[in-house]
Amino acid sequence: MLQRITQDIPASVEAARAVGTNLEAIRTFMSDRGITRQLESIHHAGVRASQIVQNMLSFSRKDYAGKSFHDISDILDLSVELAKSDYDLKKKYDFKRIEIERVYDQDLPRVSCEASKIQQFFFNILKNCAEAIQETRTDEDRPAPKLILRIFKGQSEVVVEIQDNGPGMEEGVRKRIFEPFYTTKPVGKGARFIIHLPAA
């Protein structure tokens, strides 16, 4: 629809002439009435919906090929987009309300991993961060919800840090967070998750 309005397609020019007008007059009317803007909004929403669906399909697809080399920043960014569109998370807390600061090194090497599993890992951490931040929102003096995502090159690996300004965890809890089935509500101050991935 936008193409037929905004571009001088011969068939559109002829159709406008046949009804006694021209494309410029039609464009002016459409713009003045806000119709062009509405069509652009529909177009952008459709593109956005398509991106969300593609991201969800990628997220749910099993990585049968096993490990391969990936740009870890792309996987983390896709995980953030997935969290923003997650319906269950939005019912409790709108992830879009969290300020996200990205601190990514330039020219990062690709890492060997199973992308779907790493994305699941990132998504779970981001979801936990959002839920933890939500628990601290009762005090009006607390800072606005924020996540800091860092990716940098280590000695022989790429390091990913995910930091939130939620309540954090006690040292005893922190030592057990990777134990199977272990869970608890975080207490304390600040929280940071770090993973190291072998670099190419």
N, C-alpha and C. Protein backbone atom coordinates (compact mmCIF):
# COMPACT_ATOMS: atom_id res chain seq x y z
N MET A 1 0.83 -1.21 0.00
CA MET A 1 0.00 0.00 0.00
C MET A 1 0.86 1.25 0.00
N LEU A 2 1.91 1.26 0.85
CA LEU A 2 2.80 2.41 0.90
C LEU A 2 3.51 2.61 -0.43
N GLN A 3 3.93 1.53 -1.07
CA GLN A 3 4.61 1.63 -2.35
C GLN A 3 3.70 2.25 -3.40
N ARG A 4 2.44 1.85 -3.41
CA ARG A 4 1.52 2.36 -4.43
C ARG A 4 1.20 3.84 -4.21
N ILE A 5 1.36 4.31 -2.96
CA ILE A 5 1.10 5.72 -2.66
C ILE A 5 2.34 6.58 -2.87
N THR A 6 3.49 6.06 -2.40
CA THR A 6 4.70 6.89 -2.36
C THR A 6 5.57 6.79 -3.61
N GLN A 7 5.37 5.77 -4.42
CA GLN A 7 6.19 5.60 -5.61
C GLN A 7 5.39 5.89 -6.88
N ASP A 8 6.06 6.42 -7.87
CA ASP A 8 5.39 6.75 -9.13
C ASP A 8 5.30 5.52 -10.02
N ILE A 9 4.53 4.55 -9.58
CA ILE A 9 4.31 3.34 -10.36
C ILE A 9 3.37 3.70 -11.53
N PRO A 10 3.73 3.35 -12.74
CA PRO A 10 2.90 3.74 -13.90
C PRO A 10 1.43 3.38 -13.74
N ALA A 11 1.14 2.21 -13.23
CA ALA A 11 -0.27 1.83 -13.08
C ALA A 11 -1.00 2.74 -12.10
N SER A 12 -0.29 3.17 -11.03
CA SER A 12 -0.91 4.07 -10.05
C SER A 12 -1.12 5.46 -10.65
N VAL A 13 -0.14 5.93 -11.42
CA VAL A 13 -0.27 7.23 -12.09
C VAL A 13 -1.48 7.23 -13.03
N GLU A 14 -1.62 6.16 -13.80
CA GLU A 14 -2.73 6.05 -14.75
C GLU A 14 -4.07 5.95 -14.02
N ALA A 15 -4.11 5.19 -12.91
CA ALA A 15 -5.36 5.04 -12.16
C ALA A 15 -5.80 6.37 -11.56
N ALA A 16 -4.83 7.16 -11.05
CA ALA A 16 -5.17 8.47 -10.50
C ALA A 16 -5.69 9.40 -11.59
N ARG A 17 -5.04 9.37 -12.75
CA ARG A 17 -5.45 10.22 -13.88
C ARG A 17 -6.86 9.83 -14.35
N ALA A 18 -7.17 8.55 -14.31
CA ALA A 18 -8.47 8.07 -14.78
C ALA A 18 -9.62 8.58 -13.93
N VAL A 19 -9.37 8.89 -12.65
CA VAL A 19 -10.43 9.40 -11.78
C VAL A 19 -10.32 10.92 -11.58
N GLY A 20 -9.52 11.57 -12.45
CA GLY A 20 -9.45 13.01 -12.44
C GLY A 20 -8.56 13.63 -11.38
N THR A 21 -7.55 12.93 -10.94
CA THR A 21 -6.63 13.49 -9.94
C THR A 21 -5.20 13.07 -10.29
N ASN A 22 -4.28 13.27 -9.36
CA ASN A 22 -2.90 12.83 -9.57
C ASN A 22 -2.34 12.31 -8.25
N LEU A 23 -1.21 11.64 -8.33
CA LEU A 23 -0.64 11.02 -7.13
C LEU A 23 -0.23 12.04 -6.08
N GLU A 24 0.26 13.20 -6.52
CA GLU A 24 0.68 14.23 -5.55
C GLU A 24 -0.49 14.68 -4.70
N ALA A 25 -1.65 14.86 -5.32
CA ALA A 25 -2.84 15.27 -4.57
C ALA A 25 -3.26 14.17 -3.59
N ILE A 26 -3.18 12.92 -4.04
CA ILE A 26 -3.53 11.80 -3.17
C ILE A 26 -2.56 11.73 -1.99
N ARG A 27 -1.27 11.93 -2.27
CA ARG A 27 -0.26 11.88 -1.20
C ARG A 27 -0.51 12.99 -0.18
N THR A 28 -0.84 14.17 -0.67
CA THR A 28 -1.10 15.29 0.25
C THR A 28 -2.29 14.98 1.14
N PHE A 29 -3.37 14.48 0.54
CA PHE A 29 -4.56 14.12 1.33
C PHE A 29 -4.22 13.05 2.36
N MET A 30 -3.52 12.00 1.94
CA MET A 30 -3.17 10.90 2.84
C MET A 30 -2.29 11.40 3.99
N SER A 31 -1.37 12.31 3.69
CA SER A 31 -0.49 12.84 4.72
C SER A 31 -1.26 13.74 5.68
N ASP A 32 -2.07 14.64 5.14
CA ASP A 32 -2.83 15.57 5.97
C ASP A 32 -3.80 14.84 6.91
N ARG A 33 -4.34 13.73 6.46
CA ARG A 33 -5.30 12.97 7.28
C ARG A 33 -4.60 11.95 8.19
N GLY A 34 -3.27 11.89 8.13
CA GLY A 34 -2.53 10.98 9.01
C GLY A 34 -2.56 9.53 8.57
N ILE A 35 -3.06 9.29 7.36
CA ILE A 35 -3.18 7.91 6.88
C ILE A 35 -1.82 7.32 6.55
N THR A 36 -0.94 8.12 5.94
CA THR A 36 0.39 7.62 5.60
C THR A 36 1.15 7.24 6.87
N ARG A 37 1.04 8.08 7.89
CA ARG A 37 1.71 7.78 9.16
C ARG A 37 1.17 6.49 9.78
N GLN A 38 -0.14 6.29 9.69
CA GLN A 38 -0.73 5.06 10.24
C GLN A 38 -0.26 3.84 9.47
N LEU A 39 -0.16 3.95 8.14
CA LEU A 39 0.33 2.84 7.33
C LEU A 39 1.78 2.51 7.67
N GLU A 40 2.59 3.56 7.91
CA GLU A 40 3.98 3.33 8.29
C GLU A 40 4.07 2.63 9.65
N SER A 41 3.19 3.01 10.57
CA SER A 41 3.17 2.36 11.89
C SER A 41 2.79 0.89 11.76
N ILE A 42 1.82 0.60 10.89
CA ILE A 42 1.41 -0.79 10.66
C ILE A 42 2.57 -1.58 10.07
N HIS A 43 3.28 -0.96 9.13
CA HIS A 43 4.42 -1.63 8.50
C HIS A 43 5.50 -1.94 9.54
N HIS A 44 5.84 -0.95 10.36
CA HIS A 44 6.88 -1.16 11.37
C HIS A 44 6.45 -2.22 12.39
N ALA A 45 5.17 -2.22 12.76
CA ALA A 45 4.67 -3.22 13.70
C ALA A 45 4.76 -4.62 13.11
N GLY A 46 4.46 -4.72 11.79
CA GLY A 46 4.56 -6.02 11.13
C GLY A 46 5.98 -6.53 11.09
N VAL A 47 6.93 -5.63 10.79
CA VAL A 47 8.34 -6.01 10.78
C VAL A 47 8.77 -6.44 12.17
N ARG A 48 8.34 -5.68 13.17
CA ARG A 48 8.69 -6.00 14.56
C ARG A 48 8.12 -7.37 14.97
N ALA A 49 6.88 -7.63 14.59
CA ALA A 49 6.26 -8.91 14.92
C ALA A 49 7.00 -10.06 14.24
N SER A 50 7.41 -9.84 12.99
CA SER A 50 8.16 -10.86 12.27
C SER A 50 9.49 -11.15 12.95
N GLN A 51 10.17 -10.09 13.43
CA GLN A 51 11.44 -10.28 14.13
C GLN A 51 11.25 -11.06 15.42
N ILE A 52 10.16 -10.77 16.14
CA ILE A 52 9.88 -11.49 17.39
C ILE A 52 9.63 -12.97 17.11
N VAL A 53 8.83 -13.24 16.08
CA VAL A 53 8.53 -14.63 15.73
C VAL A 53 9.80 -15.37 15.33
N GLN A 54 10.63 -14.74 14.49
CA GLN A 54 11.87 -15.38 14.07
C GLN A 54 12.79 -15.64 15.25
N ASN A 55 12.83 -14.69 16.18
CA ASN A 55 13.66 -14.86 17.38
C ASN A 55 13.16 -16.01 18.24
N MET A 56 11.83 -16.11 18.39
CA MET A 56 11.25 -17.19 19.19
C MET A 56 11.48 -18.54 18.53
N LEU A 57 11.37 -18.59 17.20
CA LEU A 57 11.62 -19.84 16.49
C LEU A 57 13.08 -20.26 16.65
N SER A 58 13.97 -19.29 16.54
CA SER A 58 15.40 -19.58 16.72
C SER A 58 15.66 -20.05 18.14
N PHE A 59 14.98 -19.44 19.10
CA PHE A 59 15.15 -19.77 20.51
C PHE A 59 14.69 -21.20 20.82
N SER A 60 13.59 -21.62 20.18
CA SER A 60 13.01 -22.93 20.47
C SER A 60 13.60 -24.05 19.63
N ARG A 61 14.30 -23.69 18.55
CA ARG A 61 14.84 -24.70 17.66
C ARG A 61 16.04 -25.40 18.29
N LYS A 62 16.04 -26.71 18.25
CA LYS A 62 17.17 -27.47 18.80
C LYS A 62 18.36 -27.36 17.87
N ASP A 63 19.53 -27.24 18.47
CA ASP A 63 20.76 -27.09 17.70
C ASP A 63 21.34 -28.47 17.42
N TYR A 64 20.83 -29.15 16.40
CA TYR A 64 21.25 -30.52 16.12
C TYR A 64 22.69 -30.60 15.63
N ALA A 65 23.18 -29.51 15.09
CA ALA A 65 24.54 -29.54 14.56
C ALA A 65 25.59 -29.49 15.66
N GLY A 66 25.16 -29.29 16.90
CA GLY A 66 26.12 -29.20 18.00
C GLY A 66 26.78 -27.84 18.02
N LYS A 67 27.99 -27.80 18.52
CA LYS A 67 28.68 -26.54 18.67
C LYS A 67 29.14 -25.99 17.33
N SER A 68 29.07 -24.67 17.22
CA SER A 68 29.62 -23.97 16.08
C SER A 68 30.01 -22.58 16.56
N PHE A 69 30.65 -21.80 15.71
CA PHE A 69 31.14 -20.50 16.14
C PHE A 69 30.09 -19.41 15.93
N HIS A 70 29.91 -18.59 16.97
CA HIS A 70 28.87 -17.55 16.95
C HIS A 70 29.42 -16.25 17.52
N ASP A 71 28.76 -15.15 17.14
CA ASP A 71 29.03 -13.84 17.75
C ASP A 71 28.20 -13.77 19.03
N ILE A 72 28.86 -13.81 20.17
CA ILE A 72 28.14 -13.89 21.44
C ILE A 72 27.31 -12.64 21.72
N SER A 73 27.74 -11.49 21.20
CA SER A 73 26.96 -10.27 21.41
C SER A 73 25.62 -10.36 20.69
N ASP A 74 25.59 -11.00 19.51
CA ASP A 74 24.32 -11.19 18.80
C ASP A 74 23.37 -12.07 19.61
N ILE A 75 23.91 -13.13 20.21
CA ILE A 75 23.07 -14.04 21.01
C ILE A 75 22.51 -13.32 22.22
N LEU A 76 23.35 -12.51 22.89
CA LEU A 76 22.88 -11.77 24.07
C LEU A 76 21.82 -10.74 23.68
N ASP A 77 22.03 -10.04 22.57
CA ASP A 77 21.05 -9.05 22.12
C ASP A 77 19.72 -9.71 21.75
N LEU A 78 19.78 -10.88 21.11
CA LEU A 78 18.56 -11.62 20.79
C LEU A 78 17.83 -12.05 22.06
N SER A 79 18.58 -12.42 23.08
CA SER A 79 17.98 -12.82 24.35
C SER A 79 17.27 -11.64 25.01
N VAL A 80 17.86 -10.45 24.90
CA VAL A 80 17.23 -9.25 25.44
C VAL A 80 15.92 -8.98 24.71
N GLU A 81 15.93 -9.09 23.37
CA GLU A 81 14.71 -8.87 22.60
C GLU A 81 13.64 -9.89 22.96
N LEU A 82 14.05 -11.12 23.20
CA LEU A 82 13.10 -12.15 23.59
C LEU A 82 12.49 -11.83 24.95
N ALA A 83 13.31 -11.36 25.89
CA ALA A 83 12.80 -10.99 27.22
C ALA A 83 11.80 -9.84 27.12
N LYS A 84 12.07 -8.90 26.21
CA LYS A 84 11.17 -7.77 26.05
C LYS A 84 9.80 -8.19 25.54
N SER A 85 9.75 -9.29 24.78
CA SER A 85 8.49 -9.73 24.19
C SER A 85 7.88 -10.93 24.91
N ASP A 86 8.48 -11.35 26.03
CA ASP A 86 7.99 -12.52 26.76
C ASP A 86 6.70 -12.18 27.50
N TYR A 87 5.63 -12.89 27.18
CA TYR A 87 4.31 -12.57 27.76
C TYR A 87 4.26 -12.85 29.26
N ASP A 88 4.80 -13.99 29.69
CA ASP A 88 4.76 -14.34 31.11
C ASP A 88 5.54 -13.34 31.95
N LEU A 89 6.68 -12.88 31.41
CA LEU A 89 7.48 -11.90 32.13
C LEU A 89 6.76 -10.56 32.18
N LYS A 90 6.10 -10.20 31.08
CA LYS A 90 5.42 -8.92 31.01
C LYS A 90 4.25 -8.85 32.00
N LYS A 91 3.62 -10.01 32.29
CA LYS A 91 2.52 -10.03 33.25
C LYS A 91 2.99 -9.60 34.63
N LYS A 92 4.24 -9.93 34.98
CA LYS A 92 4.78 -9.59 36.29
C LYS A 92 5.54 -8.28 36.27
N TYR A 93 6.31 -8.08 35.21
CA TYR A 93 7.13 -6.87 35.12
C TYR A 93 7.51 -6.64 33.67
N ASP A 94 7.30 -5.41 33.20
CA ASP A 94 7.60 -5.09 31.81
C ASP A 94 9.10 -4.88 31.65
N PHE A 95 9.76 -5.81 30.97
CA PHE A 95 11.20 -5.75 30.79
C PHE A 95 11.63 -4.47 30.06
N LYS A 96 10.73 -3.91 29.26
CA LYS A 96 11.05 -2.71 28.50
C LYS A 96 11.31 -1.51 29.41
N ARG A 97 10.86 -1.58 30.66
CA ARG A 97 11.05 -0.47 31.59
C ARG A 97 12.44 -0.47 32.21
N ILE A 98 13.23 -1.51 31.95
CA ILE A 98 14.58 -1.59 32.50
C ILE A 98 15.56 -0.90 31.56
N GLU A 99 16.35 0.01 32.10
CA GLU A 99 17.40 0.64 31.31
C GLU A 99 18.51 -0.38 31.07
N ILE A 100 18.95 -0.51 29.85
CA ILE A 100 19.99 -1.48 29.51
C ILE A 100 21.20 -0.75 28.95
N GLU A 101 22.32 -0.92 29.63
CA GLU A 101 23.58 -0.33 29.19
C GLU A 101 24.47 -1.44 28.63
N ARG A 102 24.90 -1.29 27.39
CA ARG A 102 25.77 -2.28 26.75
C ARG A 102 27.20 -1.77 26.70
N VAL A 103 28.11 -2.58 27.19
CA VAL A 103 29.54 -2.26 27.14
C VAL A 103 30.22 -3.44 26.45
N TYR A 104 30.31 -3.38 25.13
CA TYR A 104 30.87 -4.48 24.35
C TYR A 104 32.21 -4.05 23.75
N ASP A 105 33.22 -4.88 23.92
CA ASP A 105 34.49 -4.64 23.24
C ASP A 105 34.30 -4.76 21.73
N GLN A 106 35.12 -4.03 20.99
CA GLN A 106 35.10 -4.13 19.54
C GLN A 106 35.93 -5.34 19.08
N ASP A 107 35.62 -5.85 17.91
CA ASP A 107 36.38 -6.94 17.28
C ASP A 107 36.50 -8.16 18.20
N LEU A 108 35.38 -8.54 18.80
CA LEU A 108 35.37 -9.73 19.64
C LEU A 108 35.48 -10.99 18.78
N PRO A 109 36.25 -11.98 19.21
CA PRO A 109 36.31 -13.23 18.44
C PRO A 109 35.01 -14.01 18.60
N ARG A 110 34.69 -14.83 17.63
CA ARG A 110 33.52 -15.69 17.73
C ARG A 110 33.83 -16.82 18.70
N VAL A 111 32.78 -17.34 19.35
CA VAL A 111 32.98 -18.37 20.36
C VAL A 111 32.31 -19.67 19.94
N SER A 112 32.88 -20.78 20.38
CA SER A 112 32.33 -22.10 20.08
C SER A 112 31.28 -22.44 21.13
N CYS A 113 30.03 -22.61 20.70
CA CYS A 113 28.95 -22.92 21.63
C CYS A 113 27.74 -23.42 20.86
N GLU A 114 26.76 -23.93 21.59
CA GLU A 114 25.44 -24.25 21.03
C GLU A 114 24.57 -23.03 21.28
N ALA A 115 24.29 -22.29 20.23
CA ALA A 115 23.63 -20.99 20.35
C ALA A 115 22.31 -21.06 21.11
N SER A 116 21.50 -22.08 20.84
CA SER A 116 20.19 -22.16 21.49
C SER A 116 20.32 -22.35 23.00
N LYS A 117 21.32 -23.11 23.43
CA LYS A 117 21.51 -23.33 24.86
C LYS A 117 22.04 -22.08 25.55
N ILE A 118 22.95 -21.37 24.90
CA ILE A 118 23.46 -20.12 25.47
C ILE A 118 22.36 -19.07 25.53
N GLN A 119 21.51 -19.04 24.51
CA GLN A 119 20.41 -18.09 24.52
C GLN A 119 19.43 -18.41 25.65
N GLN A 120 19.18 -19.70 25.86
CA GLN A 120 18.32 -20.10 26.98
C GLN A 120 18.93 -19.67 28.31
N PHE A 121 20.24 -19.83 28.42
CA PHE A 121 20.97 -19.44 29.63
C PHE A 121 20.84 -17.93 29.86
N PHE A 122 21.11 -17.14 28.82
CA PHE A 122 21.00 -15.69 28.94
C PHE A 122 19.57 -15.28 29.30
N PHE A 123 18.60 -15.89 28.62
CA PHE A 123 17.20 -15.53 28.86
C PHE A 123 16.81 -15.78 30.31
N ASN A 124 17.24 -16.92 30.86
CA ASN A 124 16.91 -17.23 32.26
C ASN A 124 17.53 -16.22 33.22
N ILE A 125 18.77 -15.83 32.96
CA ILE A 125 19.42 -14.84 33.81
C ILE A 125 18.70 -13.50 33.72
N LEU A 126 18.39 -13.07 32.50
CA LEU A 126 17.70 -11.79 32.32
C LEU A 126 16.34 -11.80 33.01
N LYS A 127 15.65 -12.92 32.93
CA LYS A 127 14.35 -13.05 33.58
C LYS A 127 14.50 -12.97 35.10
N ASN A 128 15.52 -13.65 35.63
CA ASN A 128 15.77 -13.60 37.08
C ASN A 128 16.13 -12.18 37.52
N CYS A 129 16.92 -11.50 36.70
CA CYS A 129 17.30 -10.12 37.01
C CYS A 129 16.05 -9.23 37.09
N ALA A 130 15.18 -9.35 36.10
CA ALA A 130 13.96 -8.54 36.07
C ALA A 130 13.09 -8.80 37.29
N GLU A 131 12.96 -10.07 37.66
CA GLU A 131 12.14 -10.42 38.82
C GLU A 131 12.77 -9.90 40.11
N ALA A 132 14.11 -9.98 40.20
CA ALA A 132 14.80 -9.48 41.39
C ALA A 132 14.66 -7.97 41.50
N ILE A 133 14.81 -7.28 40.38
CA ILE A 133 14.68 -5.82 40.38
C ILE A 133 13.27 -5.43 40.80
N GLN A 134 12.27 -6.16 40.33
CA GLN A 134 10.88 -5.87 40.66
C GLN A 134 10.65 -5.92 42.16
N GLU A 135 11.33 -6.85 42.84
CA GLU A 135 11.14 -7.00 44.28
C GLU A 135 11.64 -5.79 45.06
N THR A 136 12.48 -4.97 44.47
CA THR A 136 13.06 -3.82 45.17
C THR A 136 12.37 -2.52 44.79
N ARG A 137 11.29 -2.57 44.01
CA ARG A 137 10.69 -1.33 43.52
C ARG A 137 9.76 -0.65 44.51
N THR A 138 9.61 -1.18 45.73
CA THR A 138 8.67 -0.60 46.69
C THR A 138 9.19 0.71 47.26
N ASP A 139 10.48 0.90 47.30
CA ASP A 139 11.09 2.11 47.85
C ASP A 139 11.28 3.13 46.74
N GLU A 140 10.63 4.29 46.87
CA GLU A 140 10.71 5.31 45.82
C GLU A 140 12.11 5.89 45.68
N ASP A 141 12.93 5.77 46.73
CA ASP A 141 14.28 6.34 46.68
C ASP A 141 15.27 5.44 45.96
N ARG A 142 14.86 4.22 45.65
CA ARG A 142 15.78 3.32 44.97
C ARG A 142 16.02 3.79 43.54
N PRO A 143 17.18 3.46 42.99
CA PRO A 143 17.47 3.90 41.61
C PRO A 143 16.56 3.21 40.60
N ALA A 144 16.45 3.81 39.44
CA ALA A 144 15.64 3.21 38.37
C ALA A 144 16.22 1.86 37.99
N PRO A 145 15.35 0.90 37.61
CA PRO A 145 15.84 -0.44 37.26
C PRO A 145 16.83 -0.39 36.11
N LYS A 146 17.93 -1.12 36.25
CA LYS A 146 18.99 -1.05 35.25
C LYS A 146 19.75 -2.35 35.14
N LEU A 147 20.13 -2.69 33.92
CA LEU A 147 21.01 -3.83 33.64
C LEU A 147 22.25 -3.31 32.90
N ILE A 148 23.41 -3.84 33.27
CA ILE A 148 24.64 -3.53 32.54
C ILE A 148 25.15 -4.83 31.92
N LEU A 149 25.26 -4.85 30.61
CA LEU A 149 25.75 -6.02 29.88
C LEU A 149 27.16 -5.72 29.39
N ARG A 150 28.10 -6.55 29.81
CA ARG A 150 29.50 -6.35 29.39
C ARG A 150 29.99 -7.60 28.66
N ILE A 151 30.70 -7.39 27.57
CA ILE A 151 31.36 -8.48 26.86
C ILE A 151 32.76 -8.00 26.51
N PHE A 152 33.76 -8.78 26.93
CA PHE A 152 35.13 -8.37 26.65
C PHE A 152 36.01 -9.59 26.47
N LYS A 153 37.17 -9.37 25.89
CA LYS A 153 38.11 -10.44 25.59
C LYS A 153 38.98 -10.70 26.82
N GLY A 154 39.03 -11.96 27.25
CA GLY A 154 39.92 -12.37 28.32
C GLY A 154 41.24 -12.86 27.72
N GLN A 155 41.96 -13.68 28.48
CA GLN A 155 43.24 -14.18 27.99
C GLN A 155 43.04 -15.14 26.82
N SER A 156 42.14 -16.07 26.96
CA SER A 156 41.87 -17.02 25.88
C SER A 156 40.38 -17.30 25.75
N GLU A 157 39.59 -16.37 26.24
CA GLU A 157 38.14 -16.56 26.22
C GLU A 157 37.45 -15.22 26.09
N VAL A 158 36.15 -15.28 25.79
CA VAL A 158 35.30 -14.10 25.80
C VAL A 158 34.49 -14.12 27.09
N VAL A 159 34.50 -13.02 27.80
CA VAL A 159 33.83 -12.94 29.10
C VAL A 159 32.54 -12.14 28.96
N VAL A 160 31.45 -12.69 29.51
CA VAL A 160 30.16 -12.02 29.50
C VAL A 160 29.76 -11.74 30.95
N GLU A 161 29.44 -10.49 31.23
CA GLU A 161 28.96 -10.11 32.56
C GLU A 161 27.57 -9.51 32.43
N ILE A 162 26.68 -9.94 33.30
CA ILE A 162 25.32 -9.38 33.36
C ILE A 162 25.11 -8.89 34.78
N GLN A 163 24.94 -7.60 34.94
CA GLN A 163 24.83 -7.00 36.26
C GLN A 163 23.51 -6.24 36.38
N ASP A 164 22.82 -6.44 37.49
CA ASP A 164 21.60 -5.67 37.74
C ASP A 164 21.74 -4.90 39.04
N ASN A 165 20.82 -3.97 39.28
CA ASN A 165 20.84 -3.23 40.53
C ASN A 165 19.72 -3.69 41.46
N GLY A 166 19.48 -5.01 41.44
CA GLY A 166 18.53 -5.63 42.35
C GLY A 166 19.15 -5.87 43.72
N PRO A 167 18.51 -6.71 44.55
CA PRO A 167 18.97 -6.91 45.93
C PRO A 167 20.24 -7.74 46.07
N GLY A 168 20.59 -8.54 45.07
CA GLY A 168 21.82 -9.31 45.16
C GLY A 168 21.70 -10.60 45.94
N MET A 169 22.84 -11.20 46.28
CA MET A 169 22.87 -12.49 46.98
C MET A 169 23.95 -12.48 48.06
N GLU A 170 23.68 -13.20 49.15
CA GLU A 170 24.70 -13.39 50.17
C GLU A 170 25.79 -14.31 49.62
N GLU A 171 26.97 -14.26 50.20
CA GLU A 171 28.09 -15.05 49.73
C GLU A 171 27.77 -16.54 49.76
N GLY A 172 27.09 -17.01 50.81
CA GLY A 172 26.74 -18.43 50.92
C GLY A 172 25.83 -18.87 49.80
N VAL A 173 24.91 -18.01 49.41
CA VAL A 173 24.00 -18.31 48.31
C VAL A 173 24.75 -18.31 46.99
N ARG A 174 25.64 -17.33 46.82
CA ARG A 174 26.39 -17.18 45.58
C ARG A 174 27.21 -18.43 45.27
N LYS A 175 27.72 -19.09 46.29
CA LYS A 175 28.54 -20.28 46.08
C LYS A 175 27.72 -21.47 45.59
N ARG A 176 26.41 -21.41 45.76
CA ARG A 176 25.57 -22.56 45.42
C ARG A 176 24.67 -22.34 44.21
N ILE A 177 24.78 -21.18 43.55
CA ILE A 177 23.78 -20.86 42.52
C ILE A 177 23.81 -21.80 41.32
N PHE A 178 24.93 -22.50 41.09
CA PHE A 178 24.98 -23.41 39.95
C PHE A 178 24.70 -24.85 40.33
N GLU A 179 24.30 -25.09 41.58
CA GLU A 179 23.91 -26.44 41.99
C GLU A 179 22.54 -26.77 41.39
N PRO A 180 22.38 -27.98 40.86
CA PRO A 180 21.08 -28.37 40.28
C PRO A 180 19.95 -28.22 41.29
N PHE A 181 18.85 -27.62 40.88
CA PHE A 181 17.62 -27.49 41.65
C PHE A 181 17.74 -26.53 42.84
N TYR A 182 18.88 -25.89 43.02
CA TYR A 182 19.01 -24.96 44.14
C TYR A 182 18.38 -23.63 43.76
N THR A 183 17.56 -23.07 44.64
CA THR A 183 16.92 -21.79 44.37
C THR A 183 16.64 -21.09 45.68
N THR A 184 16.61 -19.77 45.64
CA THR A 184 16.28 -18.97 46.81
C THR A 184 16.01 -17.55 46.36
N LYS A 185 15.38 -16.77 47.21
CA LYS A 185 15.17 -15.36 46.91
C LYS A 185 16.44 -14.61 47.29
N PRO A 186 16.98 -13.78 46.39
CA PRO A 186 18.23 -13.09 46.67
C PRO A 186 18.08 -12.01 47.74
N VAL A 187 19.13 -11.85 48.54
CA VAL A 187 19.19 -10.79 49.54
C VAL A 187 20.58 -10.18 49.49
N GLY A 188 20.72 -8.99 50.02
CA GLY A 188 22.03 -8.36 50.03
C GLY A 188 22.09 -7.15 49.14
N LYS A 189 23.15 -7.00 48.41
CA LYS A 189 23.34 -5.82 47.59
C LYS A 189 24.02 -6.17 46.27
N GLY A 190 23.36 -5.84 45.17
CA GLY A 190 23.95 -6.04 43.84
C GLY A 190 24.00 -7.48 43.41
N ALA A 191 24.03 -7.70 42.12
CA ALA A 191 24.14 -9.06 41.58
C ALA A 191 24.87 -8.99 40.26
N ARG A 192 25.75 -9.95 40.02
CA ARG A 192 26.48 -10.00 38.75
C ARG A 192 26.69 -11.45 38.36
N PHE A 193 26.42 -11.77 37.09
CA PHE A 193 26.64 -13.10 36.56
C PHE A 193 27.76 -13.01 35.52
N ILE A 194 28.71 -13.90 35.58
CA ILE A 194 29.84 -13.90 34.65
C ILE A 194 30.00 -15.27 34.05
N ILE A 195 30.16 -15.35 32.73
CA ILE A 195 30.48 -16.63 32.09
C ILE A 195 31.69 -16.42 31.21
N HIS A 196 32.49 -17.48 31.07
CA HIS A 196 33.67 -17.44 30.21
C HIS A 196 33.46 -18.44 29.08
N LEU A 197 33.61 -17.99 27.84
CA LEU A 197 33.43 -18.85 26.67
C LEU A 197 34.73 -18.90 25.88
N PRO A 198 35.15 -20.11 25.47
CA PRO A 198 36.39 -20.22 24.70
C PRO A 198 36.31 -19.40 23.42
N ALA A 199 37.34 -18.65 23.15
CA ALA A 199 37.38 -17.82 21.96
C ALA A 199 37.94 -18.60 20.79
N ALA A 200 37.58 -18.17 19.59
CA ALA A 200 38.08 -18.82 18.37
C ALA A 200 39.56 -18.56 18.21
